[in-house]
């Protein structure tokens, strides 16, 4: 009886771990109440299928509050069908090819003597650095975003949450 109970618990945890490993970076965003704007934008830009593919991807995911920092009307304008290409460029600027967990990012910044250029899927560059013990991303316009949560693991990559939207030139 005790053995069956233990086997049942092990089977449960294996199935949960397996389901978690099969989730995608999109699933992580969808499951977060703090990323509804990002999810709407990913859908409007037709990037869902891409971000559900094998990857791996490292996604720097802005929160709803990060999008709210943009000038009034910006999000609404970007979500219009005629702005799909611009929206896709902005969103893919938040994505890096590869599976870079927080430890790997910090090590790469340290190895690069404090400042690291990272090429995004959009072709743009983000500068990653460490300030006051936090990873900071500086976009091509000089604006900064702070990584506020790390290592949300998916089957096709990892998500790090940021507090501002980063923008390409």
N, C-alpha and C. Protein backbone atom coordinates (compact mmCIF):
# COMPACT_ATOMS: atom_id res chain seq x y z
N UNK A 1 0.83 -1.19 0.00
CA UNK A 1 0.00 0.00 0.00
C UNK A 1 0.87 1.25 0.00
N UNK A 2 1.85 1.29 0.91
CA UNK A 2 2.74 2.44 1.01
C UNK A 2 3.54 2.63 -0.29
N UNK A 3 3.96 1.52 -0.90
CA UNK A 3 4.72 1.57 -2.14
C UNK A 3 3.88 2.15 -3.27
N UNK A 4 2.58 1.75 -3.35
CA UNK A 4 1.69 2.29 -4.38
C UNK A 4 1.50 3.80 -4.20
N UNK A 5 1.38 4.24 -2.94
CA UNK A 5 1.21 5.66 -2.66
C UNK A 5 2.44 6.45 -3.11
N UNK A 6 3.63 5.96 -2.78
CA UNK A 6 4.87 6.62 -3.17
C UNK A 6 5.00 6.62 -4.70
N UNK A 7 4.68 5.50 -5.33
CA UNK A 7 4.74 5.42 -6.79
C UNK A 7 3.77 6.41 -7.43
N UNK A 8 2.59 6.55 -6.82
CA UNK A 8 1.60 7.51 -7.33
C UNK A 8 2.10 8.94 -7.23
N UNK A 9 2.72 9.29 -6.11
CA UNK A 9 3.27 10.64 -5.94
C UNK A 9 4.40 10.89 -6.94
N UNK A 10 5.27 9.92 -7.11
CA UNK A 10 6.36 10.06 -8.08
C UNK A 10 5.80 10.25 -9.48
N UNK A 11 4.80 9.46 -9.86
CA UNK A 11 4.18 9.58 -11.19
C UNK A 11 3.58 10.97 -11.37
N UNK A 12 2.93 11.49 -10.33
CA UNK A 12 2.34 12.84 -10.40
C UNK A 12 3.42 13.88 -10.68
N UNK A 13 4.51 13.85 -9.90
CA UNK A 13 5.56 14.85 -10.07
C UNK A 13 6.27 14.71 -11.42
N UNK A 14 6.44 13.49 -11.91
CA UNK A 14 7.03 13.29 -13.23
C UNK A 14 6.11 13.88 -14.30
N UNK A 15 4.79 13.68 -14.17
CA UNK A 15 3.88 14.23 -15.18
C UNK A 15 3.84 15.75 -15.12
N UNK A 16 3.90 16.34 -13.94
CA UNK A 16 3.94 17.80 -13.81
C UNK A 16 5.23 18.34 -14.42
N UNK A 17 6.34 17.71 -14.09
CA UNK A 17 7.63 18.15 -14.65
C UNK A 17 7.64 18.01 -16.15
N UNK A 18 7.07 16.94 -16.67
CA UNK A 18 7.03 16.72 -18.11
C UNK A 18 6.16 17.77 -18.78
N UNK A 19 5.00 18.07 -18.20
CA UNK A 19 4.12 19.10 -18.77
C UNK A 19 4.80 20.45 -18.75
N UNK A 20 5.51 20.75 -17.67
CA UNK A 20 6.22 22.02 -17.56
C UNK A 20 7.31 22.12 -18.62
N UNK A 21 8.03 21.03 -18.83
CA UNK A 21 9.11 21.05 -19.81
C UNK A 21 8.57 21.21 -21.22
N UNK A 22 7.33 20.81 -21.45
CA UNK A 22 6.74 20.91 -22.78
C UNK A 22 6.11 22.29 -23.04
N UNK A 23 5.96 23.11 -22.02
CA UNK A 23 5.39 24.43 -22.22
C UNK A 23 6.36 25.27 -23.04
N UNK A 24 5.83 26.29 -23.69
CA UNK A 24 6.67 27.16 -24.51
C UNK A 24 6.80 28.52 -23.84
N UNK A 25 7.66 29.35 -24.40
CA UNK A 25 7.81 30.70 -23.85
C UNK A 25 6.49 31.45 -23.98
N UNK A 26 5.70 31.15 -24.99
CA UNK A 26 4.38 31.77 -25.14
C UNK A 26 3.45 31.31 -24.02
N UNK A 27 3.48 30.03 -23.70
CA UNK A 27 2.63 29.50 -22.62
C UNK A 27 2.94 30.19 -21.30
N UNK A 28 4.21 30.46 -21.06
CA UNK A 28 4.59 31.15 -19.81
C UNK A 28 3.94 32.53 -19.77
N UNK A 29 4.01 33.26 -20.88
CA UNK A 29 3.40 34.60 -20.92
C UNK A 29 1.88 34.51 -20.77
N UNK A 30 1.28 33.55 -21.46
CA UNK A 30 -0.18 33.39 -21.39
C UNK A 30 -0.64 33.09 -19.97
N UNK A 31 0.17 32.35 -19.22
CA UNK A 31 -0.23 31.98 -17.86
C UNK A 31 -0.01 33.09 -16.83
N UNK A 32 0.53 34.22 -17.27
CA UNK A 32 0.83 35.32 -16.35
C UNK A 32 -0.15 36.47 -16.50
N UNK A 33 -0.78 36.86 -15.41
CA UNK A 33 -1.70 38.00 -15.46
C UNK A 33 -0.95 39.31 -15.69
N UNK A 34 0.37 39.31 -15.49
CA UNK A 34 1.18 40.52 -15.68
C UNK A 34 1.70 40.68 -17.11
N UNK A 35 1.30 39.77 -18.01
CA UNK A 35 1.81 39.82 -19.38
C UNK A 35 0.70 39.79 -20.43
N UNK A 36 -0.49 40.25 -20.08
CA UNK A 36 -1.60 40.22 -21.04
C UNK A 36 -1.36 41.14 -22.23
N UNK A 37 -0.70 42.27 -22.02
CA UNK A 37 -0.40 43.17 -23.13
C UNK A 37 0.61 42.52 -24.06
N UNK A 38 1.62 41.88 -23.50
CA UNK A 38 2.62 41.18 -24.32
C UNK A 38 1.95 40.08 -25.14
N UNK A 39 1.08 39.31 -24.53
CA UNK A 39 0.38 38.24 -25.25
C UNK A 39 -0.45 38.82 -26.39
N UNK A 40 -1.18 39.90 -26.14
CA UNK A 40 -1.98 40.54 -27.19
C UNK A 40 -1.08 41.00 -28.33
N UNK A 41 0.08 41.55 -27.99
CA UNK A 41 1.02 42.03 -29.01
C UNK A 41 1.59 40.87 -29.82
N UNK A 42 1.97 39.79 -29.15
CA UNK A 42 2.51 38.61 -29.85
C UNK A 42 1.47 38.06 -30.82
N UNK A 43 0.22 38.03 -30.40
CA UNK A 43 -0.86 37.57 -31.28
C UNK A 43 -1.04 38.52 -32.45
N UNK A 44 -1.07 39.82 -32.19
CA UNK A 44 -1.27 40.81 -33.25
C UNK A 44 -0.14 40.80 -34.27
N UNK A 45 1.06 40.45 -33.83
CA UNK A 45 2.23 40.41 -34.73
C UNK A 45 2.39 39.05 -35.40
N UNK A 46 1.46 38.13 -35.15
CA UNK A 46 1.53 36.77 -35.70
C UNK A 46 2.82 36.05 -35.34
N UNK A 47 3.26 36.20 -34.09
CA UNK A 47 4.50 35.56 -33.65
C UNK A 47 4.26 34.34 -32.76
N UNK A 48 3.01 33.98 -32.52
CA UNK A 48 2.72 32.86 -31.62
C UNK A 48 3.38 31.58 -32.13
N UNK A 49 3.16 31.23 -33.40
CA UNK A 49 3.71 29.98 -33.94
C UNK A 49 5.24 29.99 -33.89
N UNK A 50 5.83 31.11 -34.21
CA UNK A 50 7.30 31.22 -34.18
C UNK A 50 7.82 30.97 -32.77
N UNK A 51 7.21 31.61 -31.78
CA UNK A 51 7.68 31.48 -30.40
C UNK A 51 7.25 30.17 -29.73
N UNK A 52 6.42 29.40 -30.42
CA UNK A 52 6.08 28.06 -29.94
C UNK A 52 6.92 27.00 -30.62
N UNK A 53 7.77 27.42 -31.57
CA UNK A 53 8.62 26.46 -32.27
C UNK A 53 9.76 26.00 -31.36
N UNK A 54 10.62 25.14 -31.90
CA UNK A 54 11.66 24.49 -31.09
C UNK A 54 12.63 25.45 -30.41
N UNK A 55 12.91 26.58 -31.04
CA UNK A 55 13.85 27.52 -30.42
C UNK A 55 15.24 26.95 -30.40
N UNK A 56 15.99 27.10 -29.34
CA UNK A 56 15.58 27.72 -28.08
C UNK A 56 15.63 29.25 -28.14
N UNK A 57 14.81 29.86 -27.31
CA UNK A 57 14.71 31.31 -27.22
C UNK A 57 14.95 31.78 -25.80
N UNK A 58 15.57 32.94 -25.69
CA UNK A 58 15.60 33.66 -24.42
C UNK A 58 14.75 34.90 -24.65
N UNK A 59 13.69 35.03 -23.89
CA UNK A 59 12.75 36.14 -24.06
C UNK A 59 12.85 37.06 -22.85
N UNK A 60 13.03 38.35 -23.14
CA UNK A 60 12.98 39.39 -22.10
C UNK A 60 11.57 39.97 -22.20
N UNK A 61 10.72 39.55 -21.27
CA UNK A 61 9.28 39.82 -21.36
C UNK A 61 8.86 41.03 -20.54
N UNK A 62 8.46 42.12 -21.22
CA UNK A 62 7.97 43.29 -20.50
C UNK A 62 6.61 43.02 -19.86
N UNK A 63 6.41 43.55 -18.68
CA UNK A 63 5.14 43.41 -17.98
C UNK A 63 4.12 44.40 -18.54
N UNK A 64 2.87 44.26 -18.11
CA UNK A 64 1.84 45.23 -18.48
C UNK A 64 2.26 46.63 -18.03
N UNK A 65 2.83 46.73 -16.84
CA UNK A 65 3.28 48.03 -16.32
C UNK A 65 4.39 48.61 -17.20
N UNK A 66 5.22 47.75 -17.77
CA UNK A 66 6.28 48.23 -18.68
C UNK A 66 5.66 48.86 -19.93
N UNK A 67 4.65 48.19 -20.49
CA UNK A 67 3.98 48.75 -21.66
C UNK A 67 3.26 50.04 -21.31
N UNK A 68 2.75 50.14 -20.09
CA UNK A 68 2.03 51.35 -19.65
C UNK A 68 2.96 52.56 -19.56
N UNK A 69 4.27 52.34 -19.46
CA UNK A 69 5.23 53.45 -19.42
C UNK A 69 5.41 54.12 -20.79
N UNK A 70 5.02 53.44 -21.85
CA UNK A 70 5.15 54.02 -23.20
C UNK A 70 4.20 55.20 -23.32
N UNK A 71 4.50 56.14 -24.22
CA UNK A 71 3.60 57.28 -24.41
C UNK A 71 2.16 56.83 -24.70
N UNK A 72 1.22 57.61 -24.23
CA UNK A 72 -0.21 57.30 -24.41
C UNK A 72 -0.51 57.00 -25.87
N UNK A 73 -1.26 55.94 -26.11
CA UNK A 73 -1.68 55.57 -27.46
C UNK A 73 -0.70 54.69 -28.22
N UNK A 74 0.52 54.53 -27.70
CA UNK A 74 1.54 53.75 -28.42
C UNK A 74 1.12 52.31 -28.61
N UNK A 75 0.70 51.65 -27.54
CA UNK A 75 0.33 50.24 -27.63
C UNK A 75 -0.85 50.07 -28.59
N UNK A 76 -1.87 50.90 -28.42
CA UNK A 76 -3.05 50.81 -29.29
C UNK A 76 -2.66 50.97 -30.76
N UNK A 77 -1.77 51.92 -31.05
CA UNK A 77 -1.32 52.14 -32.42
C UNK A 77 -0.55 50.93 -32.95
N UNK A 78 0.34 50.38 -32.13
CA UNK A 78 1.13 49.23 -32.56
C UNK A 78 0.28 47.99 -32.80
N UNK A 79 -0.84 47.86 -32.10
CA UNK A 79 -1.69 46.69 -32.25
C UNK A 79 -2.55 46.72 -33.52
N UNK A 80 -2.55 47.83 -34.23
CA UNK A 80 -3.33 47.94 -35.46
C UNK A 80 -2.67 47.08 -36.56
N UNK A 81 -3.49 46.43 -37.39
CA UNK A 81 -2.96 45.55 -38.44
C UNK A 81 -1.92 46.22 -39.35
N UNK A 82 -2.10 47.49 -39.63
CA UNK A 82 -1.15 48.18 -40.52
C UNK A 82 0.23 48.38 -39.89
N UNK A 83 0.35 48.16 -38.58
CA UNK A 83 1.63 48.32 -37.89
C UNK A 83 2.25 46.98 -37.47
N UNK A 84 1.76 45.90 -38.08
CA UNK A 84 2.21 44.56 -37.73
C UNK A 84 3.73 44.39 -37.87
N UNK A 85 4.32 44.89 -38.93
CA UNK A 85 5.77 44.73 -39.15
C UNK A 85 6.58 45.47 -38.08
N UNK A 86 6.14 46.66 -37.72
CA UNK A 86 6.82 47.43 -36.68
C UNK A 86 6.71 46.72 -35.34
N UNK A 87 5.52 46.23 -35.04
CA UNK A 87 5.29 45.51 -33.78
C UNK A 87 6.16 44.25 -33.73
N UNK A 88 6.22 43.52 -34.83
CA UNK A 88 7.04 42.30 -34.88
C UNK A 88 8.51 42.63 -34.64
N UNK A 89 8.99 43.74 -35.20
CA UNK A 89 10.38 44.14 -35.01
C UNK A 89 10.64 44.46 -33.53
N UNK A 90 9.72 45.17 -32.91
CA UNK A 90 9.88 45.52 -31.49
C UNK A 90 9.87 44.25 -30.63
N UNK A 91 8.93 43.35 -30.90
CA UNK A 91 8.83 42.14 -30.08
C UNK A 91 10.04 41.23 -30.27
N UNK A 92 10.51 41.07 -31.50
CA UNK A 92 11.67 40.19 -31.72
C UNK A 92 12.96 40.84 -31.21
N UNK A 93 12.91 42.13 -30.93
CA UNK A 93 14.04 42.81 -30.29
C UNK A 93 14.16 42.38 -28.82
N UNK A 94 13.12 41.77 -28.30
CA UNK A 94 13.11 41.26 -26.92
C UNK A 94 13.51 39.78 -26.85
N UNK A 95 13.91 39.21 -27.98
CA UNK A 95 14.21 37.78 -28.06
C UNK A 95 15.65 37.58 -28.54
N UNK A 96 16.34 36.66 -27.86
CA UNK A 96 17.71 36.29 -28.23
C UNK A 96 17.69 34.79 -28.53
N UNK A 97 18.37 34.39 -29.59
CA UNK A 97 18.47 32.96 -29.91
C UNK A 97 19.32 32.28 -28.84
N UNK A 98 18.87 31.13 -28.39
CA UNK A 98 19.61 30.37 -27.38
C UNK A 98 18.85 30.33 -26.08
N UNK A 99 19.35 29.51 -25.18
CA UNK A 99 18.71 29.30 -23.88
C UNK A 99 19.65 29.86 -22.81
N UNK A 100 19.53 31.15 -22.52
CA UNK A 100 20.43 31.83 -21.61
C UNK A 100 19.79 32.01 -20.24
N UNK A 101 20.14 31.16 -19.30
CA UNK A 101 19.61 31.34 -17.97
C UNK A 101 20.33 32.50 -17.28
N UNK A 102 19.83 32.90 -16.14
CA UNK A 102 20.39 34.07 -15.44
C UNK A 102 21.87 33.90 -15.14
N UNK A 103 22.27 32.72 -14.71
CA UNK A 103 23.69 32.49 -14.39
C UNK A 103 24.56 32.67 -15.64
N UNK A 104 24.09 32.18 -16.78
CA UNK A 104 24.84 32.32 -18.03
C UNK A 104 24.95 33.80 -18.45
N UNK A 105 23.86 34.54 -18.27
CA UNK A 105 23.87 35.97 -18.62
C UNK A 105 24.86 36.72 -17.73
N UNK A 106 24.80 36.48 -16.44
CA UNK A 106 25.71 37.16 -15.50
C UNK A 106 27.16 36.79 -15.78
N UNK A 107 27.43 35.52 -16.05
CA UNK A 107 28.79 35.08 -16.36
C UNK A 107 29.29 35.76 -17.64
N UNK A 108 28.45 35.82 -18.67
CA UNK A 108 28.84 36.45 -19.93
C UNK A 108 29.14 37.93 -19.74
N UNK A 109 28.33 38.62 -18.93
CA UNK A 109 28.57 40.04 -18.64
C UNK A 109 29.88 40.19 -17.89
N UNK A 110 30.10 39.37 -16.91
CA UNK A 110 31.33 39.41 -16.11
C UNK A 110 32.55 39.12 -16.99
N UNK A 111 32.45 38.08 -17.82
CA UNK A 111 33.55 37.72 -18.72
C UNK A 111 33.85 38.84 -19.71
N UNK A 112 32.83 39.61 -20.07
CA UNK A 112 32.99 40.73 -21.01
C UNK A 112 33.40 42.01 -20.29
N UNK A 113 33.80 41.89 -19.06
CA UNK A 113 34.28 43.01 -18.24
C UNK A 113 33.20 44.04 -17.95
N UNK A 114 31.96 43.57 -17.77
CA UNK A 114 30.90 44.43 -17.28
C UNK A 114 29.86 44.91 -18.27
N UNK A 115 30.10 44.71 -19.56
CA UNK A 115 29.14 45.17 -20.56
C UNK A 115 29.19 44.22 -21.75
N UNK A 116 28.04 43.73 -22.15
CA UNK A 116 27.97 42.71 -23.19
C UNK A 116 26.96 43.12 -24.25
N UNK A 117 27.38 43.11 -25.51
CA UNK A 117 26.46 43.34 -26.63
C UNK A 117 25.79 42.02 -26.99
N UNK A 118 24.47 42.05 -27.07
CA UNK A 118 23.70 40.85 -27.37
C UNK A 118 22.88 41.11 -28.63
N UNK A 119 23.05 40.23 -29.63
CA UNK A 119 22.28 40.38 -30.86
C UNK A 119 20.91 39.74 -30.68
N UNK A 120 19.88 40.48 -31.02
CA UNK A 120 18.51 39.99 -30.87
C UNK A 120 18.03 39.34 -32.16
N UNK A 121 16.93 38.63 -32.09
CA UNK A 121 16.35 37.97 -33.25
C UNK A 121 15.99 39.00 -34.33
N UNK A 122 15.65 40.22 -33.94
CA UNK A 122 15.31 41.27 -34.92
C UNK A 122 16.54 41.79 -35.65
N UNK A 123 17.73 41.43 -35.16
CA UNK A 123 18.98 41.91 -35.76
C UNK A 123 19.56 43.09 -35.01
N UNK A 124 18.84 43.61 -34.04
CA UNK A 124 19.33 44.73 -33.25
C UNK A 124 20.26 44.28 -32.13
N UNK A 125 20.77 45.26 -31.41
CA UNK A 125 21.71 44.99 -30.31
C UNK A 125 21.14 45.53 -29.00
N UNK A 126 21.24 44.71 -27.96
CA UNK A 126 20.97 45.13 -26.59
C UNK A 126 22.29 45.08 -25.84
N UNK A 127 22.51 46.02 -24.96
CA UNK A 127 23.69 46.01 -24.11
C UNK A 127 23.26 45.52 -22.73
N UNK A 128 23.85 44.42 -22.29
CA UNK A 128 23.55 43.88 -20.96
C UNK A 128 24.68 44.26 -20.02
N UNK A 129 24.31 44.74 -18.85
CA UNK A 129 25.30 45.12 -17.84
C UNK A 129 24.71 44.82 -16.46
N UNK A 130 25.53 45.02 -15.45
CA UNK A 130 25.06 44.82 -14.08
C UNK A 130 25.23 46.14 -13.33
N UNK A 131 24.13 46.60 -12.74
CA UNK A 131 24.14 47.82 -11.93
C UNK A 131 23.46 47.51 -10.60
N UNK A 132 24.12 47.81 -9.52
CA UNK A 132 23.58 47.55 -8.18
C UNK A 132 23.10 46.11 -8.02
N UNK A 133 23.86 45.19 -8.62
CA UNK A 133 23.55 43.77 -8.49
C UNK A 133 22.42 43.27 -9.37
N UNK A 134 21.89 44.11 -10.26
CA UNK A 134 20.79 43.72 -11.14
C UNK A 134 21.24 43.79 -12.60
N UNK A 135 20.70 42.88 -13.40
CA UNK A 135 20.99 42.90 -14.83
C UNK A 135 20.14 44.00 -15.47
N UNK A 136 20.82 44.84 -16.23
CA UNK A 136 20.19 45.96 -16.92
C UNK A 136 20.37 45.76 -18.42
N UNK A 137 19.30 46.00 -19.18
CA UNK A 137 19.38 45.98 -20.64
C UNK A 137 19.25 47.42 -21.12
N UNK A 138 20.18 47.82 -21.97
CA UNK A 138 20.12 49.16 -22.56
C UNK A 138 19.84 48.98 -24.05
N UNK A 139 18.78 49.64 -24.52
CA UNK A 139 18.40 49.49 -25.93
C UNK A 139 19.19 50.44 -26.83
N UNK A 140 18.93 50.37 -28.11
CA UNK A 140 19.68 51.16 -29.09
C UNK A 140 19.38 52.66 -28.99
N UNK A 141 18.35 53.02 -28.25
CA UNK A 141 18.02 54.43 -28.04
C UNK A 141 18.56 54.95 -26.71
N UNK A 142 19.19 54.05 -25.93
CA UNK A 142 19.77 54.46 -24.65
C UNK A 142 18.86 54.26 -23.45
N UNK A 143 17.63 53.80 -23.67
CA UNK A 143 16.71 53.55 -22.56
C UNK A 143 17.09 52.23 -21.87
N UNK A 144 16.74 52.13 -20.59
CA UNK A 144 17.13 50.96 -19.80
C UNK A 144 15.93 50.20 -19.27
N UNK A 145 16.11 48.89 -19.16
CA UNK A 145 15.13 48.01 -18.52
C UNK A 145 15.88 47.15 -17.52
N UNK A 146 15.25 46.90 -16.39
CA UNK A 146 15.84 46.06 -15.34
C UNK A 146 15.19 44.69 -15.38
N UNK A 147 16.00 43.65 -15.29
CA UNK A 147 15.47 42.30 -15.19
C UNK A 147 14.97 42.11 -13.76
N UNK A 148 13.67 41.83 -13.62
CA UNK A 148 13.07 41.75 -12.28
C UNK A 148 12.69 40.33 -11.87
N UNK A 149 12.69 39.39 -12.80
CA UNK A 149 12.45 37.98 -12.50
C UNK A 149 13.18 37.16 -13.56
N UNK A 150 13.73 36.04 -13.14
CA UNK A 150 14.56 35.26 -14.06
C UNK A 150 14.18 33.79 -14.10
N UNK A 151 14.68 33.16 -15.14
CA UNK A 151 14.68 31.71 -15.27
C UNK A 151 13.31 31.05 -15.21
N UNK A 152 12.33 31.65 -15.90
CA UNK A 152 11.04 30.99 -16.06
C UNK A 152 11.23 30.04 -17.24
N UNK A 153 11.42 28.77 -16.93
CA UNK A 153 11.85 27.79 -17.93
C UNK A 153 10.70 27.21 -18.72
N UNK A 154 10.95 27.07 -20.02
CA UNK A 154 9.99 26.45 -20.94
C UNK A 154 10.71 25.35 -21.70
N UNK A 155 9.96 24.54 -22.42
CA UNK A 155 10.55 23.49 -23.22
C UNK A 155 11.38 24.03 -24.37
N UNK A 156 11.10 25.26 -24.79
CA UNK A 156 11.84 25.83 -25.92
C UNK A 156 12.63 27.08 -25.54
N UNK A 157 12.97 27.21 -24.27
CA UNK A 157 13.80 28.35 -23.87
C UNK A 157 13.52 28.81 -22.46
N UNK A 158 13.78 30.10 -22.25
CA UNK A 158 13.65 30.67 -20.92
C UNK A 158 13.12 32.10 -21.04
N UNK A 159 12.37 32.53 -20.04
CA UNK A 159 11.81 33.88 -20.00
C UNK A 159 12.39 34.60 -18.79
N UNK A 160 12.82 35.86 -19.03
CA UNK A 160 13.23 36.76 -17.96
C UNK A 160 12.29 37.96 -18.05
N UNK A 161 11.75 38.39 -16.93
CA UNK A 161 10.79 39.49 -16.90
C UNK A 161 11.55 40.82 -16.75
N UNK A 162 11.14 41.82 -17.54
CA UNK A 162 11.76 43.15 -17.47
C UNK A 162 10.71 44.20 -17.16
N UNK A 163 11.18 45.33 -16.61
CA UNK A 163 10.26 46.37 -16.13
C UNK A 163 10.01 47.51 -17.12
N UNK A 164 10.61 47.43 -18.30
CA UNK A 164 10.40 48.43 -19.35
C UNK A 164 10.48 47.77 -20.71
N UNK A 165 9.85 48.39 -21.69
CA UNK A 165 9.94 47.91 -23.06
C UNK A 165 11.23 48.46 -23.65
N UNK A 166 12.01 47.59 -24.28
CA UNK A 166 13.23 48.05 -24.97
C UNK A 166 12.88 48.24 -26.45
N UNK A 167 13.47 49.27 -27.06
CA UNK A 167 13.11 49.61 -28.42
C UNK A 167 14.33 49.68 -29.34
N UNK A 168 14.20 49.12 -30.54
CA UNK A 168 15.28 49.24 -31.52
C UNK A 168 15.29 50.63 -32.13
N UNK A 169 16.36 50.94 -32.89
CA UNK A 169 16.44 52.25 -33.57
C UNK A 169 15.33 52.37 -34.58
